[in-house]
Amino acid sequence: MTDHDYILTLSCPDRPGIVFRVSGVLYEAGCNILDAQQYGDEESGRFFLRVHFDLGSGAGIEAVQQAMAALGEAFAMDWQLHDARRRARLLVLVSKQGHCLNDLLFRAHSRQLRVDIAAVASNHADFGPLAASYGVPFNHLPVSADNRDAQEQQIIDLVERERIDLVVLARYMQILSPRLCEALAGRAINIHHSFLPSFKGAQPYHQAHARGVKIIGATAHYVTSDLDEGPIIEQDVARVDHSMTPRDLVQLGSDTESLVLARAVRRHVEQRIVLNGHRTVVFR
């Protein structure tokens, strides 16, 4: 990245001239396109574009914003401009399985992800020491049927106070209310095993082992009020065989979940995801 680079993402009804007009806006503002990816979806009739550009000497982002506002109205665009240098601020929610949290903390600390984990919150106190070892504030927010609304309000307050860009449910084993899902719409990612709906409830890897499955996997998706049915961002699988124990499946599944979640977070903070109805367009 340069010192003055931005990312433009947009979607709109597909029609001729979109790339030409967007490129013209950037050219007239003195910008230099560093990378561009596009996709036209015949099924939905929509066009998707991601452009990474450098402002160049003397150029101002305000000129791009003004020109894009006019172009966006003319083409019925949903568009956003993002400062590519800005590090996204994350809130990580976790319960009693810490593999995804541990992976994210390390990737953030080692600058493998362009994020700052501003806080960790959990309904259990188990991972307070882990968060502290990375210098990340830990918030113990116990939850029960009696205090669920108040506990979720604490999460919302934390998001607002810490100026959170993305909430990551790193094996947070609580169902979010429609109210909280709405408050976090488009900025919350969940991870879970890919056995659903076949193996629900406790010990899904043990259930899968008992059925002799040959493939296990993980899915990362945006959080919606439809449980585990939000737009999918990233998935992966790993093959297993008859010689593997339930413990082996749990370990392999944990590795897959961590990797898939990290990829999803990376795609989001690099502004590579554009919603297409209930699906996503993910630029690599």
C-alpha atoms as a PDB file:
ATOM      1  CA  MET A   1       0.000   0.000   0.000  1.00  0.00           C
ATOM      2  CA  THR A   2       0.992   3.621  -0.527  1.00  0.00           C
ATOM      3  CA  ASP A   3       0.525   6.540   1.844  1.00  0.00           C
ATOM      4  CA  HIS A   4      -2.702   7.699   0.171  1.00  0.00           C
ATOM      5  CA  ASP A   5      -4.525   4.655  -1.105  1.00  0.00           C
ATOM      6  CA  TYR A   6      -8.223   3.905  -0.892  1.00  0.00           C
ATOM      7  CA  ILE A   7     -10.592   1.114  -1.840  1.00  0.00           C
ATOM      8  CA  LEU A   8     -13.844   1.735  -3.696  1.00  0.00           C
ATOM      9  CA  THR A   9     -16.499  -0.988  -3.627  1.00  0.00           C
ATOM     10  CA  LEU A  10     -19.831  -0.819  -5.391  1.00  0.00           C
ATOM     11  CA  SER A  11     -22.769  -2.765  -6.721  1.00  0.00           C
ATOM     12  CA  CYS A  12     -25.494  -1.601  -9.090  1.00  0.00           C
ATOM     13  CA  PRO A  13     -27.792  -2.794 -11.859  1.00  0.00           C
ATOM     14  CA  ASP A  14     -25.586  -4.066 -14.680  1.00  0.00           C
ATOM     15  CA  ARG A  15     -25.356  -1.856 -17.757  1.00  0.00           C
ATOM     16  CA  PRO A  16     -22.687  -0.765 -20.258  1.00  0.00           C
ATOM     17  CA  GLY A  17     -20.199   1.915 -19.290  1.00  0.00           C
ATOM     18  CA  ILE A  18     -19.856   1.358 -15.530  1.00  0.00           C
ATOM     19  CA  VAL A  19     -16.117   0.629 -15.507  1.00  0.00           C
ATOM     20  CA  PHE A  20     -15.515   3.408 -18.029  1.00  0.00           C
ATOM     21  CA  ARG A  21     -17.330   5.977 -15.915  1.00  0.00           C
ATOM     22  CA  VAL A  22     -15.725   4.907 -12.615  1.00  0.00           C
ATOM     23  CA  SER A  23     -12.277   4.907 -14.201  1.00  0.00           C
ATOM     24  CA  GLY A  24     -13.013   8.356 -15.562  1.00  0.00           C
ATOM     25  CA  VAL A  25     -13.888   9.675 -12.113  1.00  0.00           C
ATOM     26  CA  LEU A  26     -10.582   8.403 -10.733  1.00  0.00           C
ATOM     27  CA  TYR A  27      -8.610   9.690 -13.719  1.00  0.00           C
ATOM     28  CA  GLU A  28     -10.123  13.169 -13.493  1.00  0.00           C
ATOM     29  CA  ALA A  29      -9.234  13.281  -9.785  1.00  0.00           C
ATOM     30  CA  GLY A  30      -5.612  12.418 -10.586  1.00  0.00           C
ATOM     31  CA  CYS A  31      -5.779   8.919  -9.094  1.00  0.00           C
ATOM     32  CA  ASN A  32      -3.863   5.834 -10.156  1.00  0.00           C
ATOM     33  CA  ILE A  33      -5.628   2.464 -10.163  1.00  0.00           C
ATOM     34  CA  LEU A  34      -3.492  -0.155  -8.437  1.00  0.00           C
ATOM     35  CA  ASP A  35      -5.861  -3.118  -8.717  1.00  0.00           C
ATOM     36  CA  ALA A  36      -9.397  -3.693  -9.951  1.00  0.00           C
ATOM     37  CA  GLN A  37     -11.756  -6.664  -9.893  1.00  0.00           C
ATOM     38  CA  GLN A  38     -15.258  -6.896 -11.295  1.00  0.00           C
ATOM     39  CA  TYR A  39     -18.117  -9.353 -11.620  1.00  0.00           C
ATOM     40  CA  GLY A  40     -21.440  -9.272 -13.417  1.00  0.00           C
ATOM     41  CA  ASP A  41     -24.069 -11.629 -12.021  1.00  0.00           C
ATOM     42  CA  GLU A  42     -26.487 -12.748 -14.715  1.00  0.00           C
ATOM     43  CA  GLU A  43     -28.905 -14.199 -12.168  1.00  0.00           C
ATOM     44  CA  SER A  44     -29.419 -11.022 -10.156  1.00  0.00           C
ATOM     45  CA  GLY A  45     -28.603  -8.631 -12.999  1.00  0.00           C
ATOM     46  CA  ARG A  46     -26.173  -6.734 -10.797  1.00  0.00           C
ATOM     47  CA  PHE A  47     -22.597  -5.601 -11.339  1.00  0.00           C
ATOM     48  CA  PHE A  48     -19.913  -5.619  -8.630  1.00  0.00           C
ATOM     49  CA  LEU A  49     -16.627  -3.749  -8.581  1.00  0.00           C
ATOM     50  CA  ARG A  50     -13.672  -3.329  -6.224  1.00  0.00           C
ATOM     51  CA  VAL A  51     -11.002  -0.757  -7.119  1.00  0.00           C
ATOM     52  CA  HIS A  52      -7.831  -0.157  -5.116  1.00  0.00           C
ATOM     53  CA  PHE A  53      -6.349   3.207  -6.078  1.00  0.00           C
ATOM     54  CA  ASP A  54      -3.709   5.738  -5.099  1.00  0.00           C
ATOM     55  CA  LEU A  55      -4.770   9.366  -4.768  1.00  0.00           C
ATOM     56  CA  GLY A  56      -1.525  10.617  -6.256  1.00  0.00           C
ATOM     57  CA  SER A  57       0.191  13.907  -5.498  1.00  0.00           C
ATOM     58  CA  GLY A  58      -2.115  16.828  -4.907  1.00  0.00           C
ATOM     59  CA  ALA A  59      -5.319  14.848  -5.231  1.00  0.00           C
ATOM     60  CA  GLY A  60      -7.984  14.940  -2.540  1.00  0.00           C
ATOM     61  CA  ILE A  61     -10.450  12.250  -1.564  1.00  0.00           C
ATOM     62  CA  GLU A  62     -13.211  14.857  -1.406  1.00  0.00           C
ATOM     63  CA  ALA A  63     -13.124  15.228  -5.195  1.00  0.00           C
ATOM     64  CA  VAL A  64     -13.580  11.479  -5.596  1.00  0.00           C
ATOM     65  CA  GLN A  65     -16.435  11.453  -3.090  1.00  0.00           C
ATOM     66  CA  GLN A  66     -18.286  14.269  -4.835  1.00  0.00           C
ATOM     67  CA  ALA A  67     -17.893  12.743  -8.278  1.00  0.00           C
ATOM     68  CA  MET A  68     -18.917   9.292  -7.042  1.00  0.00           C
ATOM     69  CA  ALA A  69     -21.995  10.736  -5.347  1.00  0.00           C
ATOM     70  CA  ALA A  70     -23.216  12.070  -8.697  1.00  0.00           C
ATOM     71  CA  LEU A  71     -22.261   8.896 -10.560  1.00  0.00           C
ATOM     72  CA  GLY A  72     -23.809   6.722  -7.870  1.00  0.00           C
ATOM     73  CA  GLU A  73     -27.131   8.496  -8.231  1.00  0.00           C
ATOM     74  CA  ALA A  74     -27.086   8.202 -12.008  1.00  0.00           C
ATOM     75  CA  PHE A  75     -26.316   4.466 -11.926  1.00  0.00           C
ATOM     76  CA  ALA A  76     -28.297   3.567  -8.759  1.00  0.00           C
ATOM     77  CA  MET A  77     -25.097   2.429  -7.075  1.00  0.00           C
ATOM     78  CA  ASP A  78     -24.512   1.187  -3.565  1.00  0.00           C
ATOM     79  CA  TRP A  79     -20.934   2.372  -3.092  1.00  0.00           C
ATOM     80  CA  GLN A  80     -18.399   2.918  -0.327  1.00  0.00           C
ATOM     81  CA  LEU A  81     -14.933   4.434  -0.039  1.00  0.00           C
ATOM     82  CA  HIS A  82     -12.500   2.971   2.494  1.00  0.00           C
ATOM     83  CA  ASP A  83      -9.137   4.206   3.716  1.00  0.00           C
ATOM     84  CA  ALA A  84      -6.856   1.246   2.958  1.00  0.00           C
ATOM     85  CA  ARG A  85      -4.351   2.326   5.620  1.00  0.00           C
ATOM     86  CA  ARG A  86      -6.804   2.227   8.501  1.00  0.00           C
ATOM     87  CA  ARG A  87      -6.599  -0.796  10.779  1.00  0.00           C
ATOM     88  CA  ALA A  88     -10.026  -2.240  11.578  1.00  0.00           C
ATOM     89  CA  ARG A  89     -10.979  -2.406  15.260  1.00  0.00           C
ATOM     90  CA  LEU A  90     -12.311  -5.808  16.354  1.00  0.00           C
ATOM     91  CA  LEU A  91     -14.363  -7.078  19.268  1.00  0.00           C
ATOM     92  CA  VAL A  92     -13.992 -10.848  19.677  1.00  0.00           C
ATOM     93  CA  LEU A  93     -16.744 -12.768  21.472  1.00  0.00           C
ATOM     94  CA  VAL A  94     -15.844 -16.196  22.860  1.00  0.00           C
ATOM     95  CA  SER A  95     -17.238 -18.813  25.250  1.00  0.00           C
ATOM     96  CA  LYS A  96     -15.266 -21.868  26.421  1.00  0.00           C
ATOM     97  CA  GLN A  97     -13.526 -22.965  23.193  1.00  0.00           C
ATOM     98  CA  GLY A  98     -10.524 -20.733  22.624  1.00  0.00           C
ATOM     99  CA  HIS A  99      -8.831 -21.996  19.458  1.00  0.00           C
ATOM    100  CA  CYS A 100     -10.252 -19.292  17.185  1.00  0.00           C
ATOM    101  CA  LEU A 101      -9.593 -16.546  19.725  1.00  0.00           C
ATOM    102  CA  ASN A 102      -6.006 -17.694  20.197  1.00  0.00           C
ATOM    103  CA  ASP A 103      -5.452 -17.755  16.431  1.00  0.00           C
ATOM    104  CA  LEU A 104      -6.883 -14.250  15.914  1.00  0.00           C
ATOM    105  CA  LEU A 105      -4.865 -12.794  18.786  1.00  0.00           C
ATOM    106  CA  PHE A 106      -1.649 -14.190  17.328  1.00  0.00           C
ATOM    107  CA  ARG A 107      -2.431 -13.085  13.775  1.00  0.00           C
ATOM    108  CA  ALA A 108      -3.260  -9.567  14.942  1.00  0.00           C
ATOM    109  CA  HIS A 109      -0.182  -9.383  17.172  1.00  0.00           C
ATOM    110  CA  SER A 110       2.133 -10.636  14.402  1.00  0.00           C
ATOM    111  CA  ARG A 111       0.553  -8.262  11.844  1.00  0.00           C
ATOM    112  CA  GLN A 112      -0.713 -11.128   9.701  1.00  0.00           C
ATOM    113  CA  LEU A 113      -4.109  -9.435   9.867  1.00  0.00           C
ATOM    114  CA  ARG A 114      -4.517  -5.686   9.426  1.00  0.00           C
ATOM    115  CA  VAL A 115      -6.611  -5.349  12.563  1.00  0.00           C
ATOM    116  CA  ASP A 116      -6.422  -4.197  16.149  1.00  0.00           C
ATOM    117  CA  ILE A 117      -8.325  -6.355  18.618  1.00  0.00           C
ATOM    118  CA  ALA A 118      -9.741  -3.635  20.827  1.00  0.00           C
ATOM    119  CA  ALA A 119     -11.452  -5.996  23.282  1.00  0.00           C
ATOM    120  CA  VAL A 120     -12.441  -9.576  24.033  1.00  0.00           C
ATOM    121  CA  ALA A 121     -15.765 -10.344  25.704  1.00  0.00           C
ATOM    122  CA  SER A 122     -17.042 -13.648  27.025  1.00  0.00           C
ATOM    123  CA  ASN A 123     -19.842 -15.153  29.039  1.00  0.00           C
ATOM    124  CA  HIS A 124     -17.128 -17.125  30.865  1.00  0.00           C
ATOM    125  CA  ALA A 125     -13.942 -15.971  32.558  1.00  0.00           C
ATOM    126  CA  ASP A 126     -11.657 -18.697  31.154  1.00  0.00           C
ATOM    127  CA  PHE A 127      -9.738 -16.656  28.586  1.00  0.00           C
ATOM    128  CA  GLY A 128      -9.049 -13.513  30.589  1.00  0.00           C
ATOM    129  CA  PRO A 129      -5.374 -14.510  31.077  1.00  0.00           C
ATOM    130  CA  LEU A 130      -4.958 -15.271  27.351  1.00  0.00           C
ATOM    131  CA  ALA A 131      -6.291 -11.848  26.357  1.00  0.00           C
ATOM    132  CA  ALA A 132      -4.128 -10.194  29.025  1.00  0.00           C
ATOM    133  CA  SER A 133      -1.014 -11.890  27.638  1.00  0.00           C
ATOM    134  CA  TYR A 134      -1.578  -9.912  24.422  1.00  0.00           C
ATOM    135  CA  GLY A 135      -2.455  -6.713  26.268  1.00  0.00           C
ATOM    136  CA  VAL A 136      -6.093  -6.871  25.144  1.00  0.00           C
ATOM    137  CA  PRO A 137      -8.852  -5.805  27.577  1.00  0.00           C
ATOM    138  CA  PHE A 138     -11.094  -8.698  28.647  1.00  0.00           C
ATOM    139  CA  ASN A 139     -14.756  -8.210  29.533  1.00  0.00           C
ATOM    140  CA  HIS A 140     -16.504 -10.938  31.508  1.00  0.00           C
ATOM    141  CA  LEU A 141     -20.201 -10.640  30.650  1.00  0.00           C
ATOM    142  CA  PRO A 142     -22.094 -13.539  32.253  1.00  0.00           C
ATOM    143  CA  VAL A 143     -25.449 -14.297  30.672  1.00  0.00           C
ATOM    144  CA  SER A 144     -28.573 -16.112  31.801  1.00  0.00           C
ATOM    145  CA  ALA A 145     -32.239 -16.130  30.932  1.00  0.00           C
ATOM    146  CA  ASP A 146     -32.758 -13.404  33.539  1.00  0.00           C
ATOM    147  CA  ASN A 147     -30.171 -10.905  32.271  1.00  0.00           C
ATOM    148  CA  ARG A 148     -29.900 -11.618  28.521  1.00  0.00           C
ATOM    149  CA  ASP A 149     -31.233  -8.230  27.419  1.00  0.00           C
ATOM    150  CA  ALA A 150     -28.948  -6.368  29.804  1.00  0.00           C
ATOM    151  CA  GLN A 151     -25.938  -8.470  28.777  1.00  0.00           C
ATOM    152  CA  GLU A 152     -26.542  -7.802  25.104  1.00  0.00           C
ATOM    153  CA  GLN A 153     -26.856  -4.088  25.843  1.00  0.00           C
ATOM    154  CA  GLN A 154     -23.401  -4.308  27.431  1.00  0.00           C
ATOM    155  CA  ILE A 155     -22.100  -5.732  24.153  1.00  0.00           C
ATOM    156  CA  ILE A 156     -23.724  -2.903  22.186  1.00  0.00           C
ATOM    157  CA  ASP A 157     -22.268  -0.337  24.589  1.00  0.00           C
ATOM    158  CA  LEU A 158     -18.832  -1.923  24.220  1.00  0.00           C
ATOM    159  CA  VAL A 159     -19.097  -1.763  20.425  1.00  0.00           C
ATOM    160  CA  GLU A 160     -19.981   1.929  20.564  1.00  0.00           C
ATOM    161  CA  ARG A 161     -17.436   2.861  23.250  1.00  0.00           C
ATOM    162  CA  GLU A 162     -14.527   1.124  21.505  1.00  0.00           C
ATOM    163  CA  ARG A 163     -15.576   2.268  17.997  1.00  0.00           C
ATOM    164  CA  ILE A 164     -15.701  -1.337  16.816  1.00  0.00           C
ATOM    165  CA  ASP A 165     -15.696  -1.998  13.074  1.00  0.00           C
ATOM    166  CA  LEU A 166     -16.229  -5.766  13.210  1.00  0.00           C
ATOM    167  CA  VAL A 167     -17.550  -8.172  15.848  1.00  0.00           C
ATOM    168  CA  VAL A 168     -16.166 -11.703  15.524  1.00  0.00           C
ATOM    169  CA  LEU A 169     -18.023 -14.596  17.131  1.00  0.00           C
ATOM    170  CA  ALA A 170     -15.060 -16.902  17.762  1.00  0.00           C
ATOM    171  CA  ARG A 171     -17.063 -19.909  18.969  1.00  0.00           C
ATOM    172  CA  TYR A 172     -19.364 -17.710  21.048  1.00  0.00           C
ATOM    173  CA  MET A 173     -22.001 -20.227  22.056  1.00  0.00           C
ATOM    174  CA  GLN A 174     -24.922 -17.894  22.588  1.00  0.00           C
ATOM    175  CA  ILE A 175     -27.821 -17.214  20.231  1.00  0.00           C
ATOM    176  CA  LEU A 176     -27.999 -13.483  19.517  1.00  0.00           C
ATOM    177  CA  SER A 177     -31.384 -11.809  19.761  1.00  0.00           C
ATOM    178  CA  PRO A 178     -32.920 -10.189  16.659  1.00  0.00           C
ATOM    179  CA  ARG A 179     -32.255  -6.820  18.323  1.00  0.00           C
ATOM    180  CA  LEU A 180     -28.525  -7.486  18.636  1.00  0.00           C
ATOM    181  CA  CYS A 181     -28.356  -8.987  15.140  1.00  0.00           C
ATOM    182  CA  GLU A 182     -29.918  -5.798  13.774  1.00  0.00           C
ATOM    183  CA  ALA A 183     -27.503  -3.607  15.736  1.00  0.00           C
ATOM    184  CA  LEU A 184     -24.541  -5.525  14.275  1.00  0.00           C
ATOM    185  CA  ALA A 185     -25.922  -6.031  10.752  1.00  0.00           C
ATOM    186  CA  GLY A 186     -23.139  -6.282   8.190  1.00  0.00           C
ATOM    187  CA  ARG A 187     -20.385  -6.095  10.789  1.00  0.00           C
ATOM    188  CA  ALA A 188     -20.530  -9.398  12.658  1.00  0.00           C
ATOM    189  CA  ILE A 189     -19.022 -12.697  11.504  1.00  0.00           C
ATOM    190  CA  ASN A 190     -19.700 -16.139  12.972  1.00  0.00           C
ATOM    191  CA  ILE A 191     -17.837 -19.445  12.602  1.00  0.00           C
ATOM    192  CA  HIS A 192     -19.205 -22.938  13.045  1.00  0.00           C
ATOM    193  CA  HIS A 193     -18.629 -26.488  11.878  1.00  0.00           C
ATOM    194  CA  SER A 194     -20.239 -27.438   8.584  1.00  0.00           C
ATOM    195  CA  PHE A 195     -22.206 -30.414   9.870  1.00  0.00           C
ATOM    196  CA  LEU A 196     -25.400 -28.399  10.188  1.00  0.00           C
ATOM    197  CA  PRO A 197     -28.184 -29.340  10.005  1.00  0.00           C
ATOM    198  CA  SER A 198     -27.188 -33.010  10.302  1.00  0.00           C
ATOM    199  CA  PHE A 199     -25.379 -32.906  13.641  1.00  0.00           C
ATOM    200  CA  LYS A 200     -26.829 -30.321  16.002  1.00  0.00           C
ATOM    201  CA  GLY A 201     -26.222 -29.714  19.691  1.00  0.00           C
ATOM    202  CA  ALA A 202     -23.395 -30.972  21.868  1.00  0.00           C
ATOM    203  CA  GLN A 203     -20.316 -32.799  20.595  1.00  0.00           C
ATOM    204  CA  PRO A 204     -20.993 -32.562  16.846  1.00  0.00           C
ATOM    205  CA  TYR A 205     -17.605 -34.075  15.993  1.00  0.00           C
ATOM    206  CA  HIS A 206     -18.408 -37.108  18.130  1.00  0.00           C
ATOM    207  CA  GLN A 207     -21.759 -37.412  16.354  1.00  0.00           C
ATOM    208  CA  ALA A 208     -20.013 -37.173  12.987  1.00  0.00           C
ATOM    209  CA  HIS A 209     -17.481 -39.823  14.015  1.00  0.00           C
ATOM    210  CA  ALA A 210     -20.265 -42.165  15.051  1.00  0.00           C
ATOM    211  CA  ARG A 211     -21.794 -41.787  11.573  1.00  0.00           C
ATOM    212  CA  GLY A 212     -18.469 -42.408   9.838  1.00  0.00           C
ATOM    213  CA  VAL A 213     -18.224 -39.123   7.957  1.00  0.00           C
ATOM    214  CA  LYS A 214     -15.347 -38.732   5.491  1.00  0.00           C
ATOM    215  CA  ILE A 215     -15.255 -34.929   5.273  1.00  0.00           C
ATOM    216  CA  ILE A 216     -15.433 -32.305   7.993  1.00  0.00           C
ATOM    217  CA  GLY A 217     -15.434 -28.575   7.474  1.00  0.00           C
ATOM    218  CA  ALA A 218     -16.166 -25.078   8.707  1.00  0.00           C
ATOM    219  CA  THR A 219     -18.284 -22.136   7.552  1.00  0.00           C
ATOM    220  CA  ALA A 220     -17.849 -18.422   8.261  1.00  0.00           C
ATOM    221  CA  HIS A 221     -20.818 -16.177   7.557  1.00  0.00           C
ATOM    222  CA  TYR A 222     -22.346 -12.847   8.448  1.00  0.00           C
ATOM    223  CA  VAL A 223     -24.624 -12.879  11.471  1.00  0.00           C
ATOM    224  CA  THR A 224     -28.350 -12.475  10.845  1.00  0.00           C
ATOM    225  CA  SER A 225     -31.455 -13.218  12.878  1.00  0.00           C
ATOM    226  CA  ASP A 226     -31.787 -16.459  10.860  1.00  0.00           C
ATOM    227  CA  LEU A 227     -29.626 -18.739  12.995  1.00  0.00           C
ATOM    228  CA  ASP A 228     -26.506 -19.903  11.116  1.00  0.00           C
ATOM    229  CA  GLU A 229     -28.050 -18.909   7.777  1.00  0.00           C
ATOM    230  CA  GLY A 230     -26.377 -15.559   7.098  1.00  0.00           C
ATOM    231  CA  PRO A 231     -24.528 -14.834   3.824  1.00  0.00           C
ATOM    232  CA  ILE A 232     -21.552 -17.199   3.573  1.00  0.00           C
ATOM    233  CA  ILE A 233     -18.088 -15.661   3.320  1.00  0.00           C
ATOM    234  CA  GLU A 234     -15.662 -18.582   3.498  1.00  0.00           C
ATOM    235  CA  GLN A 235     -15.707 -22.376   3.796  1.00  0.00           C
ATOM    236  CA  ASP A 236     -13.179 -25.182   3.796  1.00  0.00           C
ATOM    237  CA  VAL A 237     -13.077 -28.946   4.313  1.00  0.00           C
ATOM    238  CA  ALA A 238     -10.651 -31.604   5.507  1.00  0.00           C
ATOM    239  CA  ARG A 239     -10.801 -35.319   4.744  1.00  0.00           C
ATOM    240  CA  VAL A 240     -10.951 -37.875   7.554  1.00  0.00           C
ATOM    241  CA  ASP A 241     -10.913 -41.671   7.599  1.00  0.00           C
ATOM    242  CA  HIS A 242     -11.849 -44.668   9.714  1.00  0.00           C
ATOM    243  CA  SER A 243      -8.601 -44.597  11.711  1.00  0.00           C
ATOM    244  CA  MET A 244      -9.276 -41.201  13.273  1.00  0.00           C
ATOM    245  CA  THR A 245     -10.769 -40.894  16.739  1.00  0.00           C
ATOM    246  CA  PRO A 246     -13.318 -38.287  17.863  1.00  0.00           C
ATOM    247  CA  ARG A 247     -10.396 -36.432  19.475  1.00  0.00           C
ATOM    248  CA  ASP A 248      -8.603 -36.360  16.109  1.00  0.00           C
ATOM    249  CA  LEU A 249     -11.721 -34.937  14.450  1.00  0.00           C
ATOM    250  CA  VAL A 250     -12.055 -32.248  17.106  1.00  0.00           C
ATOM    251  CA  GLN A 251      -8.423 -31.205  16.625  1.00  0.00           C
ATOM    252  CA  LEU A 252      -8.663 -31.150  12.835  1.00  0.00           C
ATOM    253  CA  GLY A 253     -11.991 -29.340  13.022  1.00  0.00           C
ATOM    254  CA  SER A 254     -10.527 -26.712  15.350  1.00  0.00           C
ATOM    255  CA  ASP A 255      -7.680 -26.059  12.914  1.00  0.00           C
ATOM    256  CA  THR A 256     -10.128 -25.733  10.014  1.00  0.00           C
ATOM    257  CA  GLU A 257     -12.419 -23.385  11.955  1.00  0.00           C
ATOM    258  CA  SER A 258      -9.492 -21.130  12.899  1.00  0.00           C
ATOM    259  CA  LEU A 259      -8.242 -20.928   9.319  1.00  0.00           C
ATOM    260  CA  VAL A 260     -11.665 -20.283   7.803  1.00  0.00           C
ATOM    261  CA  LEU A 261     -12.465 -17.563  10.344  1.00  0.00           C
ATOM    262  CA  ALA A 262      -9.136 -15.821   9.781  1.00  0.00           C
ATOM    263  CA  ARG A 263      -9.738 -15.833   6.031  1.00  0.00           C
ATOM    264  CA  ALA A 264     -13.223 -14.386   6.486  1.00  0.00           C
ATOM    265  CA  VAL A 265     -11.948 -11.621   8.755  1.00  0.00           C
ATOM    266  CA  ARG A 266      -9.193 -10.808   6.263  1.00  0.00           C
ATOM    267  CA  ARG A 267     -11.658 -10.612   3.365  1.00  0.00           C
ATOM    268  CA  HIS A 268     -13.917  -8.300   5.378  1.00  0.00           C
ATOM    269  CA  VAL A 269     -11.286  -5.869   6.629  1.00  0.00           C
ATOM    270  CA  GLU A 270      -9.673  -5.689   3.184  1.00  0.00           C
ATOM    271  CA  GLN A 271     -13.082  -4.697   1.777  1.00  0.00           C
ATOM    272  CA  ARG A 272     -13.240  -7.715  -0.533  1.00  0.00           C
ATOM    273  CA  ILE A 273     -16.848  -8.684   0.211  1.00  0.00           C
ATOM    274  CA  VAL A 274     -19.950  -7.233  -1.415  1.00  0.00           C
ATOM    275  CA  LEU A 275     -23.392  -8.552  -0.557  1.00  0.00           C
ATOM    276  CA  ASN A 276     -25.493  -9.976  -3.379  1.00  0.00           C
ATOM    277  CA  GLY A 277     -28.864 -10.631  -1.756  1.00  0.00           C
ATOM    278  CA  HIS A 278     -28.425 -13.633   0.531  1.00  0.00           C
ATOM    279  CA  ARG A 279     -25.081 -14.429  -1.085  1.00  0.00           C
ATOM    280  CA  THR A 280     -21.698 -12.713  -1.190  1.00  0.00           C
ATOM    281  CA  VAL A 281     -19.318 -11.695  -3.934  1.00  0.00           C
ATOM    282  CA  VAL A 282     -15.808 -12.244  -2.523  1.00  0.00           C
ATOM    283  CA  PHE A 283     -12.947 -10.726  -4.513  1.00  0.00           C
ATOM    284  CA  ARG A 284      -9.666 -12.620  -3.918  1.00  0.00           C
END
